Amino acid sequence: MKVLVTGGAGYIGSILVRKLLETGHDVVVVDRLAFGDESLRELEGRPGYRLVTGDIRDRDLVDGLLADREAVVHLAAIVGEAACAADPVLAIETNFEATRHLAESSAAAGISRFVFASTCSVYGTGLADRLSEESELAPTELYAESRVNAEQALTRITGPRFRPTVLRFGTVYGYSPRTRFDLVVNLLTARALRDHAVSIFGGEQWRPFVHVADVARALQGSLEADLDRVGGQIMNVGDNRENYQMKDLGPVLIREIPGTEVHTVPDIVDKRSYHVVFDKIERLLGFHASRGVTEGVREVRDAIRSGLIPDPSDRRLVNHHRPPPTD
């Protein structure tokens, strides 16, 4: 299949692109490379792979890239609350307006398969005890709002010839060629190694955790599935066994990084809390998580200790810090 992957140099995309190439797909990646190209550099010259440096807000560029594609996996976004708050205009232009144009252009180009990366943070304050794809959405910040608006734009375009699949990711963690350290499991692991102490704010909030490699697997599974099965569907990505309260991360860190002290700060509470049901993706794709939070902490710990990740504080590994200008 000839696939366009937007944001393919990022945390999830850098794993997905490798998986797609390994299974014989022809992959064009478009990425503005805001945090560098190291995550994809080793793929240069590989048959069936092309990297285009560009911004998905460039409509002419996007329209040209779609000309010979059969499917789109749309990952490019300003991701996370802090990154969106740092530049709200860029966030809206990228996460909503560019997504809408990409979808409209894909439909005009006759592309039916369109897999869109959304987030379980659209559930926000978690207005139900268990949240399914049919639950009320209650976003609490701009990033989640932009994903809700993009989902709604896709719904308006959906028809017999354009059948997008929306995947709402749980809270992602684990090692990738561009590991992020503004995600809670990875961040706490790095801090436990550096400081031998971590703080957990609140503690009662629920989060559905999912390994980055499992997210990539869900994306590929959705891309390759029978379109009559997944077209027009919204699916939460995760596993029912991997819903945690934030306070549950403490014992994992203590066990995997001995000597770590865990401090709970009950007065500072992130109001987002969502306990998510993953029955639908299990039913439609047979999807289960291949690993859990303990394995993720261990993996990131070992990558830092071995030097595979030389510096977890590198600003290129945190989405809400802009890298310095290169010119």
Protein backbone atom coordinates (compact mmCIF):
# COMPACT_ATOMS: atom_id res chain seq x y z
CA MET A 1 0.00 0.00 0.00
CA LYS A 2 1.23 3.53 -0.78
CA VAL A 3 0.93 5.40 2.51
CA LEU A 4 1.46 9.02 3.51
CA VAL A 5 2.48 9.33 7.17
CA THR A 6 2.34 12.85 8.57
CA GLY A 7 4.52 13.48 11.60
CA GLY A 8 6.49 10.31 10.92
CA ALA A 9 9.65 11.54 12.67
CA GLY A 10 7.90 11.80 16.02
CA TYR A 11 7.55 9.59 19.06
CA ILE A 12 4.97 7.23 17.57
CA GLY A 13 5.65 7.80 13.89
CA SER A 14 9.30 6.77 14.04
CA ILE A 15 8.21 3.30 15.16
CA LEU A 16 5.24 3.07 12.80
CA VAL A 17 7.28 3.99 9.72
CA ARG A 18 9.72 1.17 10.43
CA LYS A 19 6.87 -1.31 10.91
CA LEU A 20 5.24 -0.29 7.64
CA LEU A 21 8.48 -0.61 5.70
CA GLU A 22 9.19 -4.00 7.25
CA THR A 23 5.84 -5.28 5.98
CA GLY A 24 6.31 -4.01 2.44
CA HIS A 25 4.42 -0.73 2.33
CA ASP A 26 5.61 2.23 0.27
CA VAL A 27 5.92 5.12 2.75
CA VAL A 28 6.21 8.86 2.23
CA VAL A 29 6.77 10.80 5.45
CA VAL A 30 6.08 14.52 5.75
CA ASP A 31 7.42 16.17 8.89
CA ARG A 32 8.63 19.67 9.65
CA LEU A 33 11.45 18.14 11.72
CA ALA A 34 11.02 20.64 14.54
CA PHE A 35 13.01 18.32 16.79
CA GLY A 36 15.50 17.02 14.23
CA ASP A 37 15.71 14.04 11.89
CA GLU A 38 17.73 11.66 14.06
CA SER A 39 14.77 9.35 14.59
CA LEU A 40 14.58 8.50 10.86
CA ARG A 41 18.13 9.12 9.68
CA GLU A 42 19.05 5.44 9.44
CA LEU A 43 16.21 4.87 6.95
CA GLU A 44 17.69 7.20 4.32
CA GLY A 45 18.07 5.40 1.00
CA ARG A 46 15.86 2.49 1.99
CA PRO A 47 13.64 1.22 -0.86
CA GLY A 48 10.04 2.32 -0.55
CA TYR A 49 10.83 5.22 1.79
CA ARG A 50 10.93 8.96 1.19
CA LEU A 51 11.13 11.81 3.69
CA VAL A 52 9.73 15.21 2.77
CA THR A 53 10.60 18.09 5.08
CA GLY A 54 7.54 20.29 5.26
CA ASP A 55 4.64 21.61 7.27
CA ILE A 56 1.16 20.14 6.89
CA ARG A 57 -0.20 23.71 6.95
CA ASP A 58 1.31 24.08 3.46
CA ARG A 59 -1.75 23.16 1.42
CA ASP A 60 0.01 22.96 -1.93
CA LEU A 61 2.61 20.60 -0.47
CA VAL A 62 -0.07 18.37 1.07
CA ASP A 63 -2.12 18.24 -2.12
CA GLY A 64 0.93 17.24 -4.14
CA LEU A 65 1.92 14.48 -1.73
CA LEU A 66 -1.54 12.92 -1.89
CA ALA A 67 -1.46 12.53 -5.66
CA ASP A 68 -0.09 8.97 -5.72
CA ARG A 69 -1.09 7.77 -2.23
CA GLU A 70 -3.66 5.12 -1.33
CA ALA A 71 -3.88 5.80 2.41
CA VAL A 72 -3.02 8.39 5.04
CA VAL A 73 -1.92 7.99 8.65
CA HIS A 74 -2.21 11.43 10.21
CA LEU A 75 0.02 11.86 13.27
CA ALA A 76 1.34 15.40 12.76
CA ALA A 77 0.14 17.72 15.52
CA ILE A 78 1.16 20.08 18.26
CA VAL A 79 0.87 17.47 20.98
CA GLY A 80 0.19 18.03 24.64
CA GLU A 81 -1.30 20.71 26.85
CA ALA A 82 1.94 22.64 27.43
CA ALA A 83 2.93 22.71 23.75
CA CYS A 84 -0.50 23.97 22.69
CA ALA A 85 -0.59 26.60 25.44
CA ALA A 86 2.82 27.88 24.33
CA ASP A 87 1.47 28.76 20.86
CA PRO A 88 -2.33 28.48 20.63
CA VAL A 89 -2.49 29.88 17.09
CA LEU A 90 -0.02 27.29 15.78
CA ALA A 91 -1.92 24.58 17.65
CA ILE A 92 -5.28 25.48 16.09
CA GLU A 93 -3.80 25.91 12.61
CA THR A 94 -2.03 22.55 12.81
CA ASN A 95 -4.36 20.38 14.85
CA PHE A 96 -7.66 21.54 13.41
CA GLU A 97 -7.36 23.58 10.23
CA ALA A 98 -4.58 21.55 8.60
CA THR A 99 -6.28 18.31 9.61
CA ARG A 100 -9.53 19.42 8.01
CA HIS A 101 -7.74 20.35 4.78
CA LEU A 102 -5.80 17.09 4.71
CA ALA A 103 -9.03 15.13 5.11
CA GLU A 104 -10.86 17.14 2.44
CA SER A 105 -7.95 16.77 0.02
CA SER A 106 -7.71 13.06 0.73
CA ALA A 107 -11.40 12.66 -0.04
CA ALA A 108 -11.03 14.70 -3.25
CA ALA A 109 -8.09 12.50 -4.27
CA GLY A 110 -10.20 9.37 -3.86
CA ILE A 111 -8.36 8.16 -0.74
CA SER A 112 -10.75 6.16 1.46
CA ARG A 113 -8.31 4.97 4.13
CA PHE A 114 -7.46 7.72 6.60
CA VAL A 115 -6.25 6.84 10.11
CA PHE A 116 -6.31 9.76 12.53
CA ALA A 117 -4.42 10.03 15.81
CA SER A 118 -6.63 11.42 18.57
CA THR A 119 -6.40 11.06 22.34
CA CYS A 120 -8.30 9.77 25.35
CA SER A 121 -7.78 13.20 26.90
CA VAL A 122 -10.92 14.21 24.97
CA TYR A 123 -12.77 12.59 27.90
CA GLY A 124 -11.25 15.22 30.20
CA THR A 125 -12.84 15.15 33.59
CA GLY A 126 -14.33 11.70 33.03
CA LEU A 127 -18.03 12.29 33.45
CA ALA A 128 -18.71 8.54 33.71
CA ASP A 129 -17.08 5.82 35.80
CA ARG A 130 -16.06 3.88 32.67
CA LEU A 131 -15.53 5.74 29.42
CA SER A 132 -16.27 4.19 26.04
CA GLU A 133 -16.25 5.69 22.57
CA GLU A 134 -19.88 6.73 23.09
CA SER A 135 -19.20 8.60 26.34
CA GLU A 136 -19.62 12.35 26.62
CA LEU A 137 -16.51 14.34 25.74
CA ALA A 138 -15.31 16.90 28.29
CA PRO A 139 -11.96 18.36 27.16
CA THR A 140 -10.30 20.59 29.72
CA GLU A 141 -7.50 22.17 27.65
CA LEU A 142 -6.68 23.31 24.11
CA TYR A 143 -4.95 20.14 22.96
CA ALA A 144 -7.97 17.97 23.73
CA GLU A 145 -10.33 20.60 22.31
CA SER A 146 -8.39 20.63 19.05
CA ARG A 147 -8.67 16.86 18.80
CA VAL A 148 -12.43 16.98 19.41
CA ASN A 149 -12.84 19.63 16.73
CA ALA A 150 -10.74 17.62 14.28
CA GLU A 151 -12.75 14.47 14.97
CA GLN A 152 -15.95 16.38 14.29
CA ALA A 153 -14.52 17.72 11.03
CA LEU A 154 -13.73 14.18 9.91
CA THR A 155 -17.24 13.07 10.78
CA ARG A 156 -18.72 15.78 8.57
CA ILE A 157 -16.61 14.63 5.61
CA THR A 158 -17.18 10.90 6.13
CA GLY A 159 -19.14 9.20 3.37
CA PRO A 160 -19.10 6.15 1.09
CA ARG A 161 -15.77 7.18 -0.49
CA PHE A 162 -13.99 8.63 2.56
CA ARG A 163 -14.08 6.42 5.63
CA PRO A 164 -11.65 7.59 8.30
CA THR A 165 -10.71 5.64 11.40
CA VAL A 166 -10.18 7.67 14.58
CA LEU A 167 -7.90 6.21 17.24
CA ARG A 168 -8.01 7.75 20.72
CA PHE A 169 -4.69 6.89 22.34
CA GLY A 170 -4.26 6.30 26.04
CA THR A 171 -1.34 7.97 27.85
CA VAL A 172 1.69 6.74 25.93
CA TYR A 173 5.03 5.65 27.39
CA GLY A 174 8.10 3.61 26.49
CA TYR A 175 11.20 3.84 24.32
CA SER A 176 11.19 4.92 20.69
CA PRO A 177 13.78 6.41 18.32
CA ARG A 178 12.46 9.78 19.53
CA THR A 179 11.50 9.11 23.13
CA ARG A 180 9.53 11.88 24.81
CA PHE A 181 10.20 12.95 28.39
CA ASP A 182 7.14 15.13 28.86
CA LEU A 183 4.99 12.00 29.33
CA VAL A 184 4.41 10.92 32.88
CA VAL A 185 5.85 7.37 32.96
CA ASN A 186 8.99 8.31 31.02
CA LEU A 187 9.44 11.55 32.97
CA LEU A 188 9.10 9.91 36.39
CA THR A 189 11.51 7.16 35.35
CA ALA A 190 14.15 9.70 34.33
CA ARG A 191 13.68 11.70 37.52
CA ALA A 192 13.91 8.60 39.69
CA LEU A 193 17.26 7.76 38.08
CA ARG A 194 18.57 11.30 38.37
CA ASP A 195 17.21 12.42 41.73
CA HIS A 196 16.24 9.16 43.46
CA ALA A 197 12.96 10.91 44.26
CA VAL A 198 9.76 11.76 42.40
CA SER A 199 6.60 13.69 43.18
CA ILE A 200 3.13 12.51 42.18
CA PHE A 201 0.49 15.22 42.17
CA GLY A 202 -2.94 14.23 43.41
CA GLY A 203 -2.74 10.49 42.94
CA GLU A 204 -6.39 9.51 42.68
CA GLN A 205 -6.73 10.42 38.99
CA TRP A 206 -7.19 7.61 36.51
CA ARG A 207 -5.11 7.21 33.35
CA PRO A 208 -5.14 4.50 30.69
CA PHE A 209 -1.50 3.77 29.85
CA VAL A 210 -0.35 2.24 26.57
CA HIS A 211 3.12 1.45 25.24
CA VAL A 212 4.28 3.40 22.19
CA ALA A 213 4.97 0.19 20.25
CA ASP A 214 1.42 -0.98 20.92
CA VAL A 215 0.09 2.34 19.61
CA ALA A 216 2.08 1.83 16.42
CA ARG A 217 0.67 -1.69 16.17
CA ALA A 218 -2.88 -0.36 16.53
CA LEU A 219 -2.23 2.18 13.79
CA GLN A 220 -0.90 -0.46 11.44
CA GLY A 221 -3.73 -2.83 12.28
CA SER A 222 -6.29 -0.13 11.50
CA LEU A 223 -4.54 0.72 8.25
CA GLU A 224 -4.50 -2.89 7.06
CA ALA A 225 -7.90 -4.03 8.35
CA ASP A 226 -10.94 -4.59 6.16
CA LEU A 227 -12.27 -1.09 5.52
CA ASP A 228 -15.83 -2.29 6.06
CA ARG A 229 -14.73 -3.22 9.57
CA VAL A 230 -12.86 -0.07 10.65
CA GLY A 231 -13.97 2.66 8.23
CA GLY A 232 -15.94 5.38 9.99
CA GLN A 233 -15.12 3.94 13.42
CA ILE A 234 -13.73 5.55 16.57
CA MET A 235 -11.64 3.28 18.81
CA ASN A 236 -9.91 3.81 22.12
CA VAL A 237 -6.36 2.42 22.00
CA GLY A 238 -5.22 0.59 25.10
CA ASP A 239 -6.11 -2.38 27.26
CA ASN A 240 -8.65 -2.72 30.07
CA ARG A 241 -5.89 -4.13 32.29
CA GLU A 242 -3.78 -0.98 31.91
CA ASN A 243 -5.98 1.61 33.64
CA TYR A 244 -4.03 2.98 36.62
CA GLN A 245 -4.52 5.57 39.29
CA MET A 246 -1.53 7.88 39.32
CA LYS A 247 -0.58 6.77 42.82
CA ASP A 248 -0.10 3.24 41.45
CA LEU A 249 3.02 4.37 39.59
CA GLY A 250 4.93 4.86 42.86
CA PRO A 251 5.36 1.18 43.76
CA VAL A 252 6.44 0.38 40.20
CA LEU A 253 9.19 3.00 40.31
CA ILE A 254 10.36 1.86 43.75
CA ARG A 255 10.54 -1.74 42.60
CA GLU A 256 12.31 -1.06 39.28
CA ILE A 257 14.63 1.70 40.52
CA PRO A 258 15.56 0.77 44.11
CA GLY A 259 16.23 3.71 46.40
CA THR A 260 13.56 5.90 44.82
CA GLU A 261 11.49 7.98 47.24
CA VAL A 262 7.95 8.77 46.12
CA HIS A 263 6.25 11.89 47.47
CA THR A 264 2.53 12.43 46.96
CA VAL A 265 1.39 16.05 46.72
CA PRO A 266 -2.37 15.86 47.34
CA ASP A 267 -3.03 19.62 47.12
CA ILE A 268 -1.92 19.92 43.49
CA VAL A 269 -4.34 17.92 41.38
CA ASP A 270 -4.65 17.57 37.61
CA LYS A 271 -8.42 17.69 37.16
CA ARG A 272 -8.27 15.30 34.20
CA SER A 273 -9.25 11.77 35.17
CA TYR A 274 -10.47 9.06 32.84
CA HIS A 275 -10.89 5.32 33.28
CA VAL A 276 -11.31 4.00 29.75
CA VAL A 277 -12.93 0.89 28.27
CA PHE A 278 -11.14 -0.81 25.36
CA ASP A 279 -13.69 -3.44 24.39
CA LYS A 280 -14.25 -2.04 20.91
CA ILE A 281 -10.66 -2.27 19.65
CA GLU A 282 -10.48 -5.78 21.09
CA ARG A 283 -13.62 -6.71 19.19
CA LEU A 284 -12.73 -5.08 15.86
CA LEU A 285 -8.97 -5.71 15.75
CA GLY A 286 -8.35 -8.37 18.38
CA PHE A 287 -6.07 -5.84 20.04
CA HIS A 288 -4.44 -6.36 23.44
CA ALA A 289 -1.44 -4.62 24.96
CA SER A 290 1.77 -6.56 24.49
CA ARG A 291 3.41 -5.04 27.56
CA GLY A 292 2.61 -3.00 30.65
CA VAL A 293 3.87 -0.06 32.65
CA THR A 294 6.44 -2.13 34.55
CA GLU A 295 8.07 -3.20 31.28
CA GLY A 296 7.99 0.40 30.08
CA VAL A 297 9.74 1.74 33.18
CA ARG A 298 12.34 -1.00 32.88
CA GLU A 299 12.87 -0.29 29.17
CA VAL A 300 13.34 3.47 29.61
CA ARG A 301 15.52 2.90 32.69
CA ASP A 302 17.82 0.58 30.76
CA ALA A 303 17.96 2.91 27.73
CA ILE A 304 19.15 5.76 29.96
CA ARG A 305 21.62 3.65 31.93
CA SER A 306 23.14 2.16 28.77
CA GLY A 307 23.55 5.52 27.06
CA LEU A 308 21.04 4.67 24.33
CA ILE A 309 19.33 7.85 25.57
CA PRO A 310 22.36 10.01 26.47
CA ASP A 311 20.45 12.91 28.02
CA PRO A 312 16.75 12.67 28.96
CA SER A 313 16.78 16.44 29.60
CA ASP A 314 17.64 17.16 25.94
CA ARG A 315 15.08 19.79 24.93
CA ARG A 316 14.44 17.96 21.65
CA LEU A 317 12.83 15.17 23.67
CA VAL A 318 10.24 17.47 25.23
CA ASN A 319 7.45 18.76 23.00
CA HIS A 320 6.76 21.99 24.83
CA HIS A 321 10.29 23.38 24.50
CA ARG A 322 11.06 24.86 21.14
CA PRO A 323 14.51 24.00 19.81
CA PRO A 324 16.82 26.95 19.13
CA PRO A 325 16.77 28.46 15.62
CA THR A 326 19.14 26.87 13.12
CA ASP A 327 19.71 30.01 11.03
